[in-house]
Protein backbone atom coordinates (compact mmCIF):
# COMPACT_ATOMS: atom_id res chain seq x y z
CA MET A 1 -0.02 -0.04 -0.03
CA MET A 2 1.31 3.45 -0.96
CA LEU A 3 -0.47 6.75 -0.76
CA ILE A 4 2.01 9.61 -1.00
CA LEU A 5 1.09 13.27 -1.37
CA LYS A 6 4.09 15.03 -2.87
CA LYS A 7 4.47 17.84 -0.29
CA GLU A 8 6.41 20.09 -2.59
CA THR A 9 3.37 20.26 -4.94
CA LEU A 10 0.82 21.25 -2.23
CA ARG A 11 -0.54 24.72 -3.04
CA ILE A 12 -3.62 26.93 -3.24
CA GLU A 13 -5.07 28.34 -6.44
CA PRO A 14 -7.62 31.12 -6.90
CA ASP A 15 -11.21 29.92 -7.45
CA LYS A 16 -11.96 32.01 -10.50
CA GLU A 17 -15.75 31.57 -10.13
CA ASN A 18 -15.69 32.63 -6.48
CA PRO A 19 -13.54 35.74 -5.86
CA GLY A 20 -11.64 35.60 -2.59
CA SER A 21 -11.80 31.79 -2.37
CA PHE A 22 -8.90 29.43 -2.98
CA LEU A 23 -8.77 25.78 -4.02
CA VAL A 24 -6.27 23.21 -2.73
CA ALA A 25 -4.27 21.46 -5.40
CA PHE A 26 -1.40 18.90 -5.37
CA THR A 27 0.06 15.83 -7.03
CA PHE A 28 0.01 12.30 -5.47
CA ASP A 29 0.92 8.66 -6.06
CA ALA A 30 -1.36 5.79 -5.21
CA THR A 31 -0.77 2.13 -5.64
CA VAL A 32 -4.32 1.42 -4.49
CA ALA A 33 -7.67 3.15 -4.92
CA GLY A 34 -8.96 5.30 -2.05
CA SER A 35 -10.25 8.72 -1.05
CA LEU A 36 -8.77 12.16 -0.30
CA ILE A 37 -10.24 14.27 2.53
CA VAL A 38 -9.37 18.00 2.56
CA MET A 39 -10.07 19.69 5.86
CA PHE A 40 -9.46 23.24 7.13
CA PHE A 41 -8.62 23.88 10.81
CA ALA A 42 -8.64 20.26 11.79
CA LYS A 43 -7.35 18.68 14.93
CA GLU A 44 -5.79 15.28 15.09
CA GLY A 45 -7.43 12.95 17.50
CA GLU A 46 -6.99 9.37 18.70
CA ASP A 47 -5.97 6.85 16.06
CA CYS A 48 -5.17 9.66 13.58
CA ASN A 49 -8.80 10.62 13.19
CA LEU A 50 -9.32 14.23 12.14
CA ASN A 51 -11.91 16.53 13.77
CA PRO A 52 -12.91 19.87 12.23
CA THR A 53 -12.89 22.83 14.68
CA LYS A 54 -15.03 25.15 12.52
CA GLU A 55 -18.66 24.37 11.64
CA ASN A 56 -18.70 26.60 8.57
CA LEU A 57 -15.88 24.70 6.83
CA SER A 58 -17.07 21.19 5.79
CA PRO A 59 -14.53 18.52 4.79
CA VAL A 60 -14.25 17.68 1.09
CA THR A 61 -13.95 14.02 0.16
CA ILE A 62 -12.91 12.91 -3.34
CA HIS A 63 -12.41 9.34 -4.43
CA PHE A 64 -9.45 8.29 -6.59
CA GLN A 65 -8.17 5.23 -8.46
CA GLN A 66 -4.81 3.63 -8.52
CA GLY A 67 -2.10 5.53 -10.42
CA LEU A 68 1.13 7.47 -10.16
CA GLY A 69 1.53 11.22 -10.70
CA GLN A 70 -2.20 12.01 -10.25
CA LYS A 71 -3.25 15.65 -10.06
CA PHE A 72 -5.84 16.81 -7.50
CA ARG A 73 -7.68 20.10 -7.45
CA GLN A 74 -10.67 20.90 -5.25
CA PRO A 75 -14.00 21.23 -7.05
CA ILE A 76 -15.13 24.80 -7.80
CA GLY A 77 -16.77 26.33 -4.74
CA ALA A 78 -15.31 23.84 -2.28
CA GLY A 79 -12.29 25.90 -1.25
CA ILE A 80 -11.62 28.34 1.54
CA ASP A 81 -12.64 32.01 1.53
CA PHE A 82 -9.82 33.86 3.27
CA SER A 83 -12.07 36.94 3.77
CA MET A 84 -14.00 34.96 6.42
CA PHE A 85 -11.00 34.99 8.75
CA GLU A 86 -8.69 37.45 10.42
CA GLU A 87 -5.20 37.36 8.94
CA SER A 88 -3.73 36.47 12.33
CA GLU A 89 -5.98 33.38 12.46
CA LEU A 90 -4.86 32.16 9.02
CA LEU A 91 -1.23 32.61 9.68
CA LYS A 92 -1.02 30.88 13.00
CA VAL A 93 -1.89 27.43 14.32
CA GLY A 94 -5.20 27.86 16.07
CA GLY A 95 -4.43 25.53 18.91
CA VAL A 96 -2.58 22.44 20.02
CA ASP A 97 -2.47 20.06 16.98
CA VAL A 98 -4.82 22.32 14.96
CA TYR A 99 -3.60 23.05 11.49
CA PRO A 100 -5.20 25.45 8.98
CA LEU A 101 -4.95 22.81 6.19
CA THR A 102 -4.90 19.06 6.47
CA VAL A 103 -5.10 16.50 3.66
CA LYS A 104 -5.83 12.85 4.49
CA ALA A 105 -5.39 10.11 1.91
CA GLU A 106 -7.07 6.83 2.80
CA ALA A 107 -6.73 3.46 1.11
CA SER A 108 -10.02 1.67 0.30
CA SER A 109 -10.56 -1.73 1.86
CA VAL A 110 -11.31 -4.61 -0.37
CA ASN A 111 -13.99 -7.24 0.29
CA GLU A 112 -13.89 -10.90 -0.67
CA GLU A 113 -15.37 -10.23 -4.06
CA GLY A 114 -12.53 -7.69 -4.74
CA SER A 115 -14.76 -4.58 -4.86
CA ASN A 116 -13.71 -1.39 -2.98
CA GLU A 117 -15.53 -0.49 0.18
CA THR A 118 -15.82 2.77 2.01
CA PRO A 119 -12.72 3.37 4.13
CA VAL A 120 -13.04 2.87 7.84
CA SER A 121 -11.13 5.58 9.74
CA ASP A 122 -9.90 3.37 12.62
CA THR A 123 -8.52 0.56 10.53
CA THR A 124 -7.65 2.01 7.20
CA ASN A 125 -4.05 2.73 6.20
CA SER A 126 -3.60 6.40 5.38
CA GLN A 127 -1.32 9.33 5.06
CA ILE A 128 -1.93 12.76 6.71
CA THR A 129 -0.33 15.98 5.57
CA GLN A 130 -0.63 18.92 7.92
CA ALA A 131 0.19 22.46 6.62
CA VAL A 132 -0.03 26.13 7.56
CA PHE A 133 -0.65 29.23 5.55
CA GLU A 134 2.08 31.86 5.08
CA LYS A 135 1.96 35.24 3.33
CA GLU A 136 4.67 36.18 0.85
CA LYS A 137 4.62 39.45 -1.16
CA GLY A 138 0.95 39.92 -0.20
CA GLU A 139 -0.15 36.47 -1.35
CA TYR A 140 -0.94 33.36 0.62
CA ARG A 141 0.99 30.16 0.14
CA VAL A 142 1.10 26.73 1.77
CA ARG A 143 3.91 25.26 3.84
CA VAL A 144 3.85 21.64 4.87
CA VAL A 145 4.71 21.17 8.57
CA LYS A 146 4.26 17.46 9.12
CA GLN A 147 3.38 14.25 7.32
CA ILE A 148 2.12 11.17 9.15
CA LEU A 149 1.60 7.54 8.14
CA TRP A 150 -1.06 5.45 9.83
CA VAL A 151 -0.33 1.76 9.00
CA ASN A 152 -1.70 -1.29 10.77
CA ASN A 153 -2.97 0.84 13.63
CA MET A 154 0.47 2.34 14.19
CA ARG A 155 1.36 6.09 13.79
CA TYR A 156 4.63 7.06 12.07
CA GLU A 157 5.83 10.63 11.56
CA LEU A 158 7.82 11.10 8.30
CA GLN A 159 11.13 12.89 8.61
CA GLU A 160 12.87 14.54 5.64
CA ILE A 161 16.44 13.56 4.82
CA TYR A 162 18.41 16.74 3.74
CA GLY A 163 20.61 16.12 0.67
CA ILE A 164 19.03 12.87 -0.55
CA GLY A 165 17.63 14.63 -3.60
CA ASN A 166 21.12 15.26 -5.01
CA SER A 167 21.95 11.56 -4.65
CA VAL A 168 18.89 10.13 -6.38
CA GLU A 169 17.93 12.57 -9.12
CA ALA A 170 18.63 10.77 -12.41
CA ASP A 171 18.84 14.03 -14.51
CA VAL A 172 21.69 15.55 -12.38
CA ASP A 173 25.08 15.47 -14.07
CA GLY A 174 27.43 12.88 -12.70
CA ASN A 175 30.09 15.47 -12.11
CA ASP A 176 27.74 17.58 -9.92
CA ALA A 177 29.64 18.17 -6.66
CA GLY A 178 26.31 18.05 -4.78
CA LYS A 179 26.26 14.27 -5.22
CA GLU A 180 29.68 13.72 -3.61
CA CYS A 181 30.69 13.18 -0.02
CA VAL A 182 31.54 16.54 1.62
CA ILE A 183 34.71 15.03 3.23
CA CYS A 184 36.45 13.02 0.50
CA LEU A 185 34.75 14.79 -2.44
CA SER A 186 34.92 11.69 -4.59
CA GLU A 187 32.53 8.98 -3.34
CA PRO A 188 28.73 9.45 -3.60
CA ARG A 189 26.76 10.39 -0.52
CA ASP A 190 25.01 7.37 1.01
CA THR A 191 25.02 8.01 4.76
CA THR A 192 22.68 10.18 6.83
CA VAL A 193 23.62 11.64 10.21
CA LEU A 194 21.02 11.38 12.96
CA PRO A 195 19.30 13.14 14.53
CA CYS A 196 19.97 16.17 12.26
CA ARG A 197 19.25 14.04 9.11
CA HIS A 198 21.89 15.46 6.83
CA MET A 199 22.83 13.04 4.07
CA CYS A 200 26.28 14.40 3.35
CA MET A 201 28.94 11.59 3.50
CA CYS A 202 29.96 8.28 2.05
CA SER A 203 29.87 5.31 4.41
CA GLY A 204 33.70 5.16 4.62
CA CYS A 205 34.12 8.80 5.73
CA ALA A 206 31.15 8.49 8.08
CA LYS A 207 32.83 5.61 9.96
CA VAL A 208 36.10 7.59 10.27
CA LEU A 209 34.13 10.63 11.53
CA ARG A 210 32.78 8.65 14.50
CA PHE A 211 36.26 8.18 15.78
CA GLN A 212 37.35 11.80 15.26
CA THR A 213 34.96 14.78 15.83
CA ASN A 214 31.75 12.80 16.01
CA ARG A 215 29.92 15.97 14.78
CA CYS A 216 27.91 16.46 11.64
CA PRO A 217 30.15 18.26 9.01
CA ILE A 218 27.17 20.39 7.92
CA CYS A 219 25.62 21.65 11.15
CA ARG A 220 28.12 20.48 13.76
CA GLN A 221 25.49 18.77 15.90
CA PRO A 222 26.64 15.60 17.78
CA VAL A 223 26.23 12.36 15.86
CA GLU A 224 24.04 9.83 17.67
CA ARG A 225 23.61 7.30 14.83
CA LEU A 226 24.46 6.82 11.16
CA LEU A 227 21.93 5.61 8.61
CA GLU A 228 23.32 4.18 5.41
CA ILE A 229 20.98 4.38 2.40
CA LYS A 230 21.59 2.43 -0.73
CA VAL A 231 21.09 4.80 -3.66
CA ASN A 232 20.00 3.45 -7.07
CA ASN A 233 22.00 5.49 -9.59
CA GLY A 234 20.15 4.02 -12.52
CA THR A 235 16.60 4.70 -13.60
CA LYS A 236 14.32 5.38 -10.66
CA GLU A 237 11.50 2.94 -10.21
C-alpha cells in the first residue's frame, strides 16, 4: 500500500468563479484506490482521526483510483474564503495540533469479491499531511509542517532527509559536486547523520568521523547514529 502526497506540490489556487476563495491542489501517487479528505482547521485525535474545529468549513472528500502522478484540485466552490477570517487566524496554528490545512489520503478496503468498500477511519491505512498558511509578497501560500503515516494501527511521523535529492535525481550530471561526499569529495553520498538528518557523507568517511570529531560536518550537531541508504544510480522505479 502506498499513498503519497508530494508535499512540494501542495498549493492553493484562486477559485476564478468565487473571488476571494482558494482551492487546494497537489500531485500524489497511489498504488491502491482510495479517497482524499481535505479539511481546514482540523485537529488530530485518537488513532489519527481528524476533527474539524469550525462548523462553517465542511470537509471535502474525493475518491481516486490507483495511479502514479495523479493531479488533484478541489471542485469549484469547495475551497476556503480567506475573507471569512482574520489574517492572524490564518497565519497561526489555532491551537494544539490544529492546522489550517490538512489532507488525509485513505486506502479503500477490499472485500472478498474484490470490490472497493468505503474506508473505515480506525482501521484504514492512510497518510496525513498537515500544513500552515504563510503570506509572501501579499499572497498566501502553503507550507507543509508534518506528514504522518497510519499503517496497521500504528502512527509514524515522516522525517525529511536533507541532501538525498542530489543523490537520487537521475537528471543531475554525474560530475555535480552536490552528489559527492563533503569530506572526500569523490565517493557518492549514502550516509545520513542522525538526529539532524543531513545526508552528506559516504559510508567510509562516516565511519572515520565517528572516531574523530563525532559531529555532523554540515551543522556540527553531535552524531548519535548513522543511517546508510543504498542509492540506485540507475533509472528510478
